[in-house]
Amino acid sequence: MRNQPPLVRTLVSSIIAISAGVAVTTALAAPGGHGPGKGHERGSKMKDPEVRAEKMFERLDADGSGVVTIDEFMNRPGNRAARHFDRLDANEDSSLSLEEFLDRPRRHDGDIDRDAVRACVEEALGEALPERPEPEAVFADMDANGDGAVSEDEFLDAAESRASDRFARVDADGDGGITLEELLAAVETRASRRDIRRQCVEEQRAADELTGG
Protein backbone atom coordinates (compact mmCIF):
# COMPACT_ATOMS: atom_id res chain seq x y z
CA MET A 1 0.00 0.00 0.00
CA ARG A 2 2.79 2.43 0.84
CA ASN A 3 4.18 1.90 -2.64
CA GLN A 4 0.89 2.80 -4.35
CA PRO A 5 0.58 6.12 -6.28
CA PRO A 6 -0.87 9.06 -4.30
CA LEU A 7 -4.21 8.85 -6.11
CA VAL A 8 -4.61 5.16 -5.24
CA ARG A 9 -3.68 5.81 -1.62
CA THR A 10 -6.25 8.61 -1.42
CA LEU A 11 -8.96 6.39 -2.90
CA VAL A 12 -8.06 3.56 -0.54
CA SER A 13 -8.27 5.85 2.47
CA SER A 14 -11.67 7.05 1.28
CA ILE A 15 -12.92 3.48 0.92
CA ILE A 16 -11.82 2.64 4.47
CA ALA A 17 -13.47 5.78 5.87
CA ILE A 18 -16.73 5.10 4.01
CA SER A 19 -16.76 1.46 5.16
CA ALA A 20 -16.28 2.52 8.76
CA GLY A 21 -19.14 5.03 8.47
CA VAL A 22 -21.47 2.43 6.99
CA ALA A 23 -20.64 -0.02 9.77
CA VAL A 24 -21.47 2.54 12.46
CA THR A 25 -24.69 3.64 10.72
CA THR A 26 -25.80 0.01 10.32
CA ALA A 27 -25.15 -0.75 13.97
CA LEU A 28 -27.16 2.24 15.13
CA ALA A 29 -30.01 1.46 12.73
CA ALA A 30 -30.31 -2.16 13.85
CA PRO A 31 -33.10 -3.17 16.26
CA GLY A 32 -32.22 -1.90 19.68
CA GLY A 33 -29.34 0.03 18.17
CA HIS A 34 -29.97 3.31 19.91
CA GLY A 35 -26.31 3.93 20.54
CA PRO A 36 -23.78 2.43 22.95
CA GLY A 37 -25.33 0.32 25.68
CA LYS A 38 -23.92 -1.12 28.87
CA GLY A 39 -22.38 -4.07 27.03
CA HIS A 40 -20.67 -1.69 24.65
CA GLU A 41 -19.42 0.40 27.56
CA ARG A 42 -17.95 -2.66 29.26
CA GLY A 43 -16.26 -3.70 26.02
CA SER A 44 -14.85 -0.22 25.54
CA LYS A 45 -13.45 -0.21 29.05
CA MET A 46 -11.69 -3.53 28.49
CA LYS A 47 -10.10 -2.08 25.35
CA ASP A 48 -8.67 0.76 27.45
CA PRO A 49 -4.95 -0.13 27.91
CA GLU A 50 -4.99 1.21 31.47
CA VAL A 51 -7.95 -0.95 32.49
CA ARG A 52 -6.45 -4.01 30.79
CA ALA A 53 -3.07 -3.43 32.44
CA GLU A 54 -4.68 -3.12 35.87
CA LYS A 55 -6.63 -6.36 35.37
CA MET A 56 -3.52 -8.19 34.18
CA PHE A 57 -1.47 -6.85 37.06
CA GLU A 58 -4.05 -8.03 39.60
CA ARG A 59 -3.91 -11.54 38.16
CA LEU A 60 -0.11 -11.64 38.00
CA ASP A 61 0.67 -10.08 41.38
CA ALA A 62 -0.29 -13.16 43.39
CA ASP A 63 1.04 -11.94 46.74
CA GLY A 64 -0.31 -8.40 46.37
CA SER A 65 3.12 -6.85 46.86
CA GLY A 66 2.68 -4.28 44.12
CA VAL A 67 5.50 -5.85 42.08
CA VAL A 68 5.28 -8.88 39.76
CA THR A 69 8.24 -11.21 40.26
CA ILE A 70 9.70 -13.51 37.63
CA ASP A 71 8.12 -16.54 39.37
CA GLU A 72 4.67 -14.92 39.35
CA PHE A 73 5.08 -13.90 35.73
CA MET A 74 6.20 -17.39 34.64
CA ASN A 75 3.34 -19.22 36.31
CA ARG A 76 0.62 -18.41 33.77
CA PRO A 77 2.71 -19.00 30.60
CA GLY A 78 3.76 -22.39 31.98
CA ASN A 79 0.16 -23.46 32.55
CA ARG A 80 -0.92 -22.25 29.12
CA ALA A 81 2.01 -24.01 27.45
CA ALA A 82 1.05 -27.32 29.08
CA ARG A 83 -2.52 -27.01 27.76
CA HIS A 84 -1.22 -25.98 24.34
CA PHE A 85 1.03 -29.05 24.20
CA ASP A 86 -1.93 -31.32 24.97
CA ARG A 87 -3.93 -29.76 22.11
CA LEU A 88 -1.09 -30.22 19.64
CA ASP A 89 -0.30 -33.80 20.66
CA ALA A 90 -2.90 -35.33 18.36
CA ASN A 91 -1.89 -38.95 18.90
CA GLU A 92 -1.35 -38.45 22.65
CA ASP A 93 2.11 -40.01 22.70
CA SER A 94 3.55 -37.24 24.90
CA SER A 95 5.71 -35.88 22.10
CA LEU A 96 5.19 -33.66 19.08
CA SER A 97 6.18 -34.58 15.56
CA LEU A 98 6.94 -31.85 13.05
CA GLU A 99 3.65 -32.64 11.32
CA GLU A 100 1.68 -32.12 14.55
CA PHE A 101 3.49 -28.86 15.22
CA LEU A 102 2.85 -27.52 11.71
CA ASP A 103 -0.82 -28.45 12.00
CA ARG A 104 -1.36 -25.88 14.76
CA PRO A 105 -3.85 -23.05 14.16
CA ARG A 106 -2.31 -19.90 12.71
CA ARG A 107 -3.44 -16.36 12.11
CA HIS A 108 -5.06 -15.99 8.68
CA ASP A 109 -5.29 -12.62 6.93
CA GLY A 110 -6.51 -14.04 3.64
CA ASP A 111 -4.53 -13.59 0.46
CA ILE A 112 -2.97 -10.26 1.39
CA ASP A 113 0.57 -9.30 0.46
CA ARG A 114 2.37 -9.95 3.75
CA ASP A 115 5.53 -8.21 2.56
CA ALA A 116 3.52 -5.08 1.77
CA VAL A 117 1.84 -5.19 5.18
CA ARG A 118 5.21 -5.63 6.87
CA ALA A 119 6.65 -2.66 4.96
CA CYS A 120 3.60 -0.59 5.93
CA VAL A 121 4.03 -1.42 9.63
CA GLU A 122 7.76 -0.71 9.54
CA GLU A 123 7.12 2.66 7.89
CA ALA A 124 4.53 3.57 10.53
CA LEU A 125 6.81 2.51 13.39
CA GLY A 126 9.93 4.00 11.87
CA GLU A 127 11.89 0.84 12.63
CA ALA A 128 12.56 -2.58 11.18
CA LEU A 129 10.60 -5.52 12.55
CA PRO A 130 12.48 -8.61 13.72
CA GLU A 131 12.42 -11.49 11.27
CA ARG A 132 9.92 -14.21 12.16
CA PRO A 133 11.59 -17.63 12.05
CA GLU A 134 10.10 -20.34 9.90
CA PRO A 135 7.99 -22.92 11.82
CA GLU A 136 10.50 -25.65 10.96
CA ALA A 137 13.29 -23.59 12.55
CA VAL A 138 11.19 -23.03 15.69
CA PHE A 139 10.58 -26.77 15.94
CA ALA A 140 14.29 -27.54 15.52
CA ASP A 141 15.18 -25.07 18.29
CA MET A 142 12.73 -26.75 20.68
CA ASP A 143 14.05 -30.22 19.81
CA ALA A 144 16.99 -29.90 22.19
CA ASN A 145 18.23 -33.50 21.86
CA GLY A 146 17.78 -33.58 18.08
CA ASP A 147 15.71 -36.76 18.00
CA GLY A 148 13.18 -35.32 15.56
CA ALA A 149 10.42 -34.95 18.15
CA VAL A 150 9.62 -32.38 20.83
CA SER A 151 8.87 -33.80 24.25
CA GLU A 152 6.61 -32.02 26.72
CA ASP A 153 9.64 -31.00 28.79
CA GLU A 154 11.32 -29.51 25.71
CA PHE A 155 8.12 -27.70 24.77
CA LEU A 156 7.72 -26.26 28.28
CA ASP A 157 11.40 -25.27 28.44
CA ALA A 158 11.00 -23.32 25.20
CA ALA A 159 7.86 -21.62 26.51
CA GLU A 160 9.67 -20.72 29.72
CA SER A 161 12.54 -19.22 27.75
CA ARG A 162 10.15 -17.08 25.69
CA ALA A 163 8.32 -15.94 28.83
CA SER A 164 11.63 -15.02 30.46
CA ASP A 165 12.51 -12.90 27.42
CA ARG A 166 9.13 -11.17 27.60
CA PHE A 167 9.61 -10.49 31.32
CA ALA A 168 12.97 -8.85 30.60
CA ARG A 169 11.42 -6.63 27.93
CA VAL A 170 8.60 -5.49 30.22
CA ASP A 171 10.96 -4.96 33.19
CA ALA A 172 12.22 -1.70 31.73
CA ASP A 173 14.56 -0.78 34.58
CA GLY A 174 15.93 -4.31 34.90
CA ASP A 175 15.42 -4.51 38.68
CA GLY A 176 13.88 -8.00 38.54
CA GLY A 177 10.30 -6.90 39.14
CA ILE A 178 7.49 -5.48 37.01
CA THR A 179 5.51 -2.51 38.29
CA LEU A 180 2.04 -1.49 37.12
CA GLU A 181 3.60 1.43 35.23
CA GLU A 182 5.96 -0.89 33.35
CA LEU A 183 3.14 -3.29 32.50
CA LEU A 184 0.95 -0.41 31.30
CA ALA A 185 3.74 0.83 29.02
CA ALA A 186 4.10 -2.66 27.53
CA VAL A 187 0.33 -3.03 27.04
CA GLU A 188 0.10 0.38 25.35
CA THR A 189 3.00 -0.45 23.02
CA ARG A 190 1.46 -3.76 22.03
CA ALA A 191 -1.98 -2.22 21.49
CA SER A 192 -0.48 0.52 19.33
CA ARG A 193 1.41 -1.98 17.17
CA ARG A 194 -1.67 -4.16 16.81
CA ASP A 195 -3.74 -1.17 15.69
CA ILE A 196 -1.07 -0.17 13.17
CA ARG A 197 -0.99 -3.68 11.71
CA ARG A 198 -4.78 -3.83 11.51
CA GLN A 199 -4.84 -0.54 9.62
CA CYS A 200 -2.11 -1.75 7.26
CA VAL A 201 -4.05 -4.95 6.55
CA GLU A 202 -7.19 -2.92 5.83
CA GLU A 203 -5.25 -0.64 3.50
CA GLN A 204 -3.77 -3.59 1.64
CA ARG A 205 -7.16 -5.26 1.22
CA ALA A 206 -8.69 -2.01 0.00
CA ALA A 207 -5.82 -1.56 -2.46
CA ASP A 208 -6.31 -5.12 -3.75
CA GLU A 209 -10.05 -4.51 -4.22
CA LEU A 210 -9.40 -1.22 -5.99
CA THR A 211 -6.76 -2.57 -8.35
CA GLY A 212 -8.31 -6.02 -8.78
CA GLY A 213 -5.29 -7.65 -7.07
C-alpha atoms as a PDB file:
ATOM      1  CA  MET A   1       0.000   0.000   0.000  1.00  0.00           C
ATOM      2  CA  ARG A   2       2.790   2.429   0.839  1.00  0.00           C
ATOM      3  CA  ASN A   3       4.183   1.900  -2.641  1.00  0.00           C
ATOM      4  CA  GLN A   4       0.889   2.796  -4.346  1.00  0.00           C
ATOM      5  CA  PRO A   5       0.577   6.117  -6.279  1.00  0.00           C
ATOM      6  CA  PRO A   6      -0.871   9.056  -4.297  1.00  0.00           C
ATOM      7  CA  LEU A   7      -4.215   8.854  -6.114  1.00  0.00           C
ATOM      8  CA  VAL A   8      -4.612   5.164  -5.241  1.00  0.00           C
ATOM      9  CA  ARG A   9      -3.680   5.807  -1.620  1.00  0.00           C
ATOM     10  CA  THR A  10      -6.247   8.609  -1.419  1.00  0.00           C
ATOM     11  CA  LEU A  11      -8.959   6.388  -2.895  1.00  0.00           C
ATOM     12  CA  VAL A  12      -8.064   3.557  -0.538  1.00  0.00           C
ATOM     13  CA  SER A  13      -8.267   5.855   2.473  1.00  0.00           C
ATOM     14  CA  SER A  14     -11.670   7.046   1.284  1.00  0.00           C
ATOM     15  CA  ILE A  15     -12.916   3.476   0.921  1.00  0.00           C
ATOM     16  CA  ILE A  16     -11.820   2.642   4.470  1.00  0.00           C
ATOM     17  CA  ALA A  17     -13.468   5.780   5.871  1.00  0.00           C
ATOM     18  CA  ILE A  18     -16.731   5.103   4.010  1.00  0.00           C
ATOM     19  CA  SER A  19     -16.755   1.458   5.155  1.00  0.00           C
ATOM     20  CA  ALA A  20     -16.284   2.524   8.759  1.00  0.00           C
ATOM     21  CA  GLY A  21     -19.139   5.030   8.474  1.00  0.00           C
ATOM     22  CA  VAL A  22     -21.472   2.425   6.989  1.00  0.00           C
ATOM     23  CA  ALA A  23     -20.641  -0.016   9.768  1.00  0.00           C
ATOM     24  CA  VAL A  24     -21.468   2.543  12.463  1.00  0.00           C
ATOM     25  CA  THR A  25     -24.686   3.637  10.723  1.00  0.00           C
ATOM     26  CA  THR A  26     -25.800   0.012  10.318  1.00  0.00           C
ATOM     27  CA  ALA A  27     -25.146  -0.751  13.970  1.00  0.00           C
ATOM     28  CA  LEU A  28     -27.161   2.243  15.133  1.00  0.00           C
ATOM     29  CA  ALA A  29     -30.015   1.465  12.731  1.00  0.00           C
ATOM     30  CA  ALA A  30     -30.306  -2.157  13.855  1.00  0.00           C
ATOM     31  CA  PRO A  31     -33.103  -3.173  16.264  1.00  0.00           C
ATOM     32  CA  GLY A  32     -32.219  -1.899  19.682  1.00  0.00           C
ATOM     33  CA  GLY A  33     -29.343   0.034  18.171  1.00  0.00           C
ATOM     34  CA  HIS A  34     -29.970   3.314  19.914  1.00  0.00           C
ATOM     35  CA  GLY A  35     -26.312   3.926  20.543  1.00  0.00           C
ATOM     36  CA  PRO A  36     -23.782   2.426  22.947  1.00  0.00           C
ATOM     37  CA  GLY A  37     -25.329   0.321  25.681  1.00  0.00           C
ATOM     38  CA  LYS A  38     -23.921  -1.121  28.866  1.00  0.00           C
ATOM     39  CA  GLY A  39     -22.379  -4.068  27.030  1.00  0.00           C
ATOM     40  CA  HIS A  40     -20.674  -1.694  24.651  1.00  0.00           C
ATOM     41  CA  GLU A  41     -19.417   0.398  27.558  1.00  0.00           C
ATOM     42  CA  ARG A  42     -17.950  -2.662  29.263  1.00  0.00           C
ATOM     43  CA  GLY A  43     -16.261  -3.702  26.016  1.00  0.00           C
ATOM     44  CA  SER A  44     -14.852  -0.220  25.539  1.00  0.00           C
ATOM     45  CA  LYS A  45     -13.448  -0.209  29.048  1.00  0.00           C
ATOM     46  CA  MET A  46     -11.694  -3.529  28.486  1.00  0.00           C
ATOM     47  CA  LYS A  47     -10.100  -2.079  25.351  1.00  0.00           C
ATOM     48  CA  ASP A  48      -8.667   0.758  27.450  1.00  0.00           C
ATOM     49  CA  PRO A  49      -4.952  -0.126  27.915  1.00  0.00           C
ATOM     50  CA  GLU A  50      -4.988   1.205  31.472  1.00  0.00           C
ATOM     51  CA  VAL A  51      -7.946  -0.949  32.491  1.00  0.00           C
ATOM     52  CA  ARG A  52      -6.449  -4.011  30.787  1.00  0.00           C
ATOM     53  CA  ALA A  53      -3.074  -3.434  32.437  1.00  0.00           C
ATOM     54  CA  GLU A  54      -4.683  -3.125  35.872  1.00  0.00           C
ATOM     55  CA  LYS A  55      -6.632  -6.363  35.375  1.00  0.00           C
ATOM     56  CA  MET A  56      -3.524  -8.186  34.175  1.00  0.00           C
ATOM     57  CA  PHE A  57      -1.473  -6.852  37.061  1.00  0.00           C
ATOM     58  CA  GLU A  58      -4.053  -8.028  39.602  1.00  0.00           C
ATOM     59  CA  ARG A  59      -3.910 -11.542  38.164  1.00  0.00           C
ATOM     60  CA  LEU A  60      -0.113 -11.637  38.000  1.00  0.00           C
ATOM     61  CA  ASP A  61       0.672 -10.075  41.383  1.00  0.00           C
ATOM     62  CA  ALA A  62      -0.295 -13.160  43.395  1.00  0.00           C
ATOM     63  CA  ASP A  63       1.045 -11.935  46.736  1.00  0.00           C
ATOM     64  CA  GLY A  64      -0.305  -8.400  46.365  1.00  0.00           C
ATOM     65  CA  SER A  65       3.124  -6.848  46.859  1.00  0.00           C
ATOM     66  CA  GLY A  66       2.680  -4.276  44.117  1.00  0.00           C
ATOM     67  CA  VAL A  67       5.500  -5.849  42.077  1.00  0.00           C
ATOM     68  CA  VAL A  68       5.279  -8.883  39.763  1.00  0.00           C
ATOM     69  CA  THR A  69       8.236 -11.213  40.263  1.00  0.00           C
ATOM     70  CA  ILE A  70       9.703 -13.508  37.632  1.00  0.00           C
ATOM     71  CA  ASP A  71       8.116 -16.536  39.367  1.00  0.00           C
ATOM     72  CA  GLU A  72       4.672 -14.923  39.353  1.00  0.00           C
ATOM     73  CA  PHE A  73       5.082 -13.902  35.726  1.00  0.00           C
ATOM     74  CA  MET A  74       6.203 -17.390  34.641  1.00  0.00           C
ATOM     75  CA  ASN A  75       3.340 -19.222  36.314  1.00  0.00           C
ATOM     76  CA  ARG A  76       0.623 -18.413  33.767  1.00  0.00           C
ATOM     77  CA  PRO A  77       2.706 -19.002  30.596  1.00  0.00           C
ATOM     78  CA  GLY A  78       3.763 -22.388  31.978  1.00  0.00           C
ATOM     79  CA  ASN A  79       0.165 -23.457  32.547  1.00  0.00           C
ATOM     80  CA  ARG A  80      -0.917 -22.250  29.122  1.00  0.00           C
ATOM     81  CA  ALA A  81       2.007 -24.010  27.446  1.00  0.00           C
ATOM     82  CA  ALA A  82       1.048 -27.319  29.076  1.00  0.00           C
ATOM     83  CA  ARG A  83      -2.522 -27.007  27.758  1.00  0.00           C
ATOM     84  CA  HIS A  84      -1.221 -25.985  24.342  1.00  0.00           C
ATOM     85  CA  PHE A  85       1.026 -29.046  24.205  1.00  0.00           C
ATOM     86  CA  ASP A  86      -1.933 -31.316  24.969  1.00  0.00           C
ATOM     87  CA  ARG A  87      -3.934 -29.761  22.114  1.00  0.00           C
ATOM     88  CA  LEU A  88      -1.087 -30.219  19.635  1.00  0.00           C
ATOM     89  CA  ASP A  89      -0.296 -33.796  20.660  1.00  0.00           C
ATOM     90  CA  ALA A  90      -2.905 -35.326  18.363  1.00  0.00           C
ATOM     91  CA  ASN A  91      -1.887 -38.954  18.903  1.00  0.00           C
ATOM     92  CA  GLU A  92      -1.354 -38.446  22.654  1.00  0.00           C
ATOM     93  CA  ASP A  93       2.108 -40.012  22.698  1.00  0.00           C
ATOM     94  CA  SER A  94       3.545 -37.241  24.904  1.00  0.00           C
ATOM     95  CA  SER A  95       5.711 -35.877  22.105  1.00  0.00           C
ATOM     96  CA  LEU A  96       5.187 -33.659  19.076  1.00  0.00           C
ATOM     97  CA  SER A  97       6.177 -34.581  15.563  1.00  0.00           C
ATOM     98  CA  LEU A  98       6.945 -31.848  13.053  1.00  0.00           C
ATOM     99  CA  GLU A  99       3.647 -32.637  11.321  1.00  0.00           C
ATOM    100  CA  GLU A 100       1.679 -32.122  14.547  1.00  0.00           C
ATOM    101  CA  PHE A 101       3.492 -28.861  15.216  1.00  0.00           C
ATOM    102  CA  LEU A 102       2.853 -27.521  11.714  1.00  0.00           C
ATOM    103  CA  ASP A 103      -0.816 -28.452  11.997  1.00  0.00           C
ATOM    104  CA  ARG A 104      -1.362 -25.881  14.763  1.00  0.00           C
ATOM    105  CA  PRO A 105      -3.847 -23.048  14.155  1.00  0.00           C
ATOM    106  CA  ARG A 106      -2.311 -19.898  12.706  1.00  0.00           C
ATOM    107  CA  ARG A 107      -3.438 -16.361  12.105  1.00  0.00           C
ATOM    108  CA  HIS A 108      -5.061 -15.986   8.680  1.00  0.00           C
ATOM    109  CA  ASP A 109      -5.293 -12.624   6.934  1.00  0.00           C
ATOM    110  CA  GLY A 110      -6.509 -14.039   3.643  1.00  0.00           C
ATOM    111  CA  ASP A 111      -4.530 -13.589   0.459  1.00  0.00           C
ATOM    112  CA  ILE A 112      -2.971 -10.262   1.392  1.00  0.00           C
ATOM    113  CA  ASP A 113       0.567  -9.298   0.458  1.00  0.00           C
ATOM    114  CA  ARG A 114       2.365  -9.948   3.745  1.00  0.00           C
ATOM    115  CA  ASP A 115       5.528  -8.212   2.559  1.00  0.00           C
ATOM    116  CA  ALA A 116       3.517  -5.078   1.772  1.00  0.00           C
ATOM    117  CA  VAL A 117       1.836  -5.186   5.180  1.00  0.00           C
ATOM    118  CA  ARG A 118       5.208  -5.635   6.865  1.00  0.00           C
ATOM    119  CA  ALA A 119       6.648  -2.661   4.960  1.00  0.00           C
ATOM    120  CA  CYS A 120       3.601  -0.586   5.933  1.00  0.00           C
ATOM    121  CA  VAL A 121       4.026  -1.423   9.625  1.00  0.00           C
ATOM    122  CA  GLU A 122       7.758  -0.707   9.535  1.00  0.00           C
ATOM    123  CA  GLU A 123       7.117   2.658   7.889  1.00  0.00           C
ATOM    124  CA  ALA A 124       4.527   3.571  10.528  1.00  0.00           C
ATOM    125  CA  LEU A 125       6.811   2.510  13.395  1.00  0.00           C
ATOM    126  CA  GLY A 126       9.926   3.998  11.868  1.00  0.00           C
ATOM    127  CA  GLU A 127      11.888   0.845  12.627  1.00  0.00           C
ATOM    128  CA  ALA A 128      12.561  -2.580  11.184  1.00  0.00           C
ATOM    129  CA  LEU A 129      10.605  -5.524  12.554  1.00  0.00           C
ATOM    130  CA  PRO A 130      12.481  -8.608  13.724  1.00  0.00           C
ATOM    131  CA  GLU A 131      12.416 -11.485  11.274  1.00  0.00           C
ATOM    132  CA  ARG A 132       9.925 -14.208  12.157  1.00  0.00           C
ATOM    133  CA  PRO A 133      11.590 -17.631  12.051  1.00  0.00           C
ATOM    134  CA  GLU A 134      10.098 -20.336   9.901  1.00  0.00           C
ATOM    135  CA  PRO A 135       7.992 -22.919  11.820  1.00  0.00           C
ATOM    136  CA  GLU A 136      10.505 -25.648  10.963  1.00  0.00           C
ATOM    137  CA  ALA A 137      13.286 -23.592  12.555  1.00  0.00           C
ATOM    138  CA  VAL A 138      11.188 -23.031  15.689  1.00  0.00           C
ATOM    139  CA  PHE A 139      10.576 -26.775  15.942  1.00  0.00           C
ATOM    140  CA  ALA A 140      14.291 -27.537  15.520  1.00  0.00           C
ATOM    141  CA  ASP A 141      15.175 -25.068  18.289  1.00  0.00           C
ATOM    142  CA  MET A 142      12.732 -26.747  20.678  1.00  0.00           C
ATOM    143  CA  ASP A 143      14.052 -30.223  19.811  1.00  0.00           C
ATOM    144  CA  ALA A 144      16.989 -29.902  22.194  1.00  0.00           C
ATOM    145  CA  ASN A 145      18.232 -33.503  21.862  1.00  0.00           C
ATOM    146  CA  GLY A 146      17.782 -33.583  18.080  1.00  0.00           C
ATOM    147  CA  ASP A 147      15.713 -36.761  18.001  1.00  0.00           C
ATOM    148  CA  GLY A 148      13.179 -35.324  15.556  1.00  0.00           C
ATOM    149  CA  ALA A 149      10.417 -34.952  18.147  1.00  0.00           C
ATOM    150  CA  VAL A 150       9.624 -32.378  20.829  1.00  0.00           C
ATOM    151  CA  SER A 151       8.873 -33.799  24.251  1.00  0.00           C
ATOM    152  CA  GLU A 152       6.607 -32.023  26.718  1.00  0.00           C
ATOM    153  CA  ASP A 153       9.638 -31.002  28.792  1.00  0.00           C
ATOM    154  CA  GLU A 154      11.324 -29.514  25.714  1.00  0.00           C
ATOM    155  CA  PHE A 155       8.123 -27.698  24.771  1.00  0.00           C
ATOM    156  CA  LEU A 156       7.717 -26.259  28.280  1.00  0.00           C
ATOM    157  CA  ASP A 157      11.400 -25.269  28.440  1.00  0.00           C
ATOM    158  CA  ALA A 158      11.001 -23.317  25.197  1.00  0.00           C
ATOM    159  CA  ALA A 159       7.855 -21.624  26.509  1.00  0.00           C
ATOM    160  CA  GLU A 160       9.666 -20.724  29.722  1.00  0.00           C
ATOM    161  CA  SER A 161      12.538 -19.225  27.752  1.00  0.00           C
ATOM    162  CA  ARG A 162      10.154 -17.083  25.695  1.00  0.00           C
ATOM    163  CA  ALA A 163       8.321 -15.944  28.833  1.00  0.00           C
ATOM    164  CA  SER A 164      11.626 -15.023  30.461  1.00  0.00           C
ATOM    165  CA  ASP A 165      12.506 -12.902  27.423  1.00  0.00           C
ATOM    166  CA  ARG A 166       9.126 -11.169  27.604  1.00  0.00           C
ATOM    167  CA  PHE A 167       9.613 -10.487  31.322  1.00  0.00           C
ATOM    168  CA  ALA A 168      12.972  -8.853  30.602  1.00  0.00           C
ATOM    169  CA  ARG A 169      11.418  -6.630  27.927  1.00  0.00           C
ATOM    170  CA  VAL A 170       8.602  -5.489  30.223  1.00  0.00           C
ATOM    171  CA  ASP A 171      10.957  -4.962  33.186  1.00  0.00           C
ATOM    172  CA  ALA A 172      12.224  -1.697  31.730  1.00  0.00           C
ATOM    173  CA  ASP A 173      14.557  -0.777  34.577  1.00  0.00           C
ATOM    174  CA  GLY A 174      15.928  -4.307  34.901  1.00  0.00           C
ATOM    175  CA  ASP A 175      15.415  -4.510  38.675  1.00  0.00           C
ATOM    176  CA  GLY A 176      13.884  -7.996  38.538  1.00  0.00           C
ATOM    177  CA  GLY A 177      10.305  -6.903  39.138  1.00  0.00           C
ATOM    178  CA  ILE A 178       7.492  -5.481  37.006  1.00  0.00           C
ATOM    179  CA  THR A 179       5.510  -2.510  38.295  1.00  0.00           C
ATOM    180  CA  LEU A 180       2.045  -1.495  37.121  1.00  0.00           C
ATOM    181  CA  GLU A 181       3.599   1.426  35.235  1.00  0.00           C
ATOM    182  CA  GLU A 182       5.965  -0.892  33.354  1.00  0.00           C
ATOM    183  CA  LEU A 183       3.144  -3.288  32.500  1.00  0.00           C
ATOM    184  CA  LEU A 184       0.954  -0.412  31.303  1.00  0.00           C
ATOM    185  CA  ALA A 185       3.737   0.833  29.024  1.00  0.00           C
ATOM    186  CA  ALA A 186       4.099  -2.656  27.526  1.00  0.00           C
ATOM    187  CA  VAL A 187       0.326  -3.027  27.037  1.00  0.00           C
ATOM    188  CA  GLU A 188       0.098   0.381  25.347  1.00  0.00           C
ATOM    189  CA  THR A 189       2.996  -0.445  23.022  1.00  0.00           C
ATOM    190  CA  ARG A 190       1.464  -3.764  22.030  1.00  0.00           C
ATOM    191  CA  ALA A 191      -1.977  -2.218  21.490  1.00  0.00           C
ATOM    192  CA  SER A 192      -0.477   0.518  19.330  1.00  0.00           C
ATOM    193  CA  ARG A 193       1.407  -1.980  17.171  1.00  0.00           C
ATOM    194  CA  ARG A 194      -1.665  -4.164  16.812  1.00  0.00           C
ATOM    195  CA  ASP A 195      -3.742  -1.174  15.686  1.00  0.00           C
ATOM    196  CA  ILE A 196      -1.074  -0.173  13.175  1.00  0.00           C
ATOM    197  CA  ARG A 197      -0.987  -3.678  11.712  1.00  0.00           C
ATOM    198  CA  ARG A 198      -4.776  -3.832  11.509  1.00  0.00           C
ATOM    199  CA  GLN A 199      -4.839  -0.544   9.622  1.00  0.00           C
ATOM    200  CA  CYS A 200      -2.109  -1.747   7.259  1.00  0.00           C
ATOM    201  CA  VAL A 201      -4.048  -4.947   6.551  1.00  0.00           C
ATOM    202  CA  GLU A 202      -7.194  -2.920   5.835  1.00  0.00           C
ATOM    203  CA  GLU A 203      -5.254  -0.637   3.496  1.00  0.00           C
ATOM    204  CA  GLN A 204      -3.774  -3.588   1.639  1.00  0.00           C
ATOM    205  CA  ARG A 205      -7.164  -5.258   1.220  1.00  0.00           C
ATOM    206  CA  ALA A 206      -8.689  -2.007  -0.004  1.00  0.00           C
ATOM    207  CA  ALA A 207      -5.816  -1.564  -2.459  1.00  0.00           C
ATOM    208  CA  ASP A 208      -6.315  -5.117  -3.746  1.00  0.00           C
ATOM    209  CA  GLU A 209     -10.051  -4.508  -4.224  1.00  0.00           C
ATOM    210  CA  LEU A 210      -9.399  -1.221  -5.991  1.00  0.00           C
ATOM    211  CA  THR A 211      -6.756  -2.573  -8.351  1.00  0.00           C
ATOM    212  CA  GLY A 212      -8.312  -6.019  -8.781  1.00  0.00           C
ATOM    213  CA  GLY A 213      -5.291  -7.653  -7.067  1.00  0.00           C
END
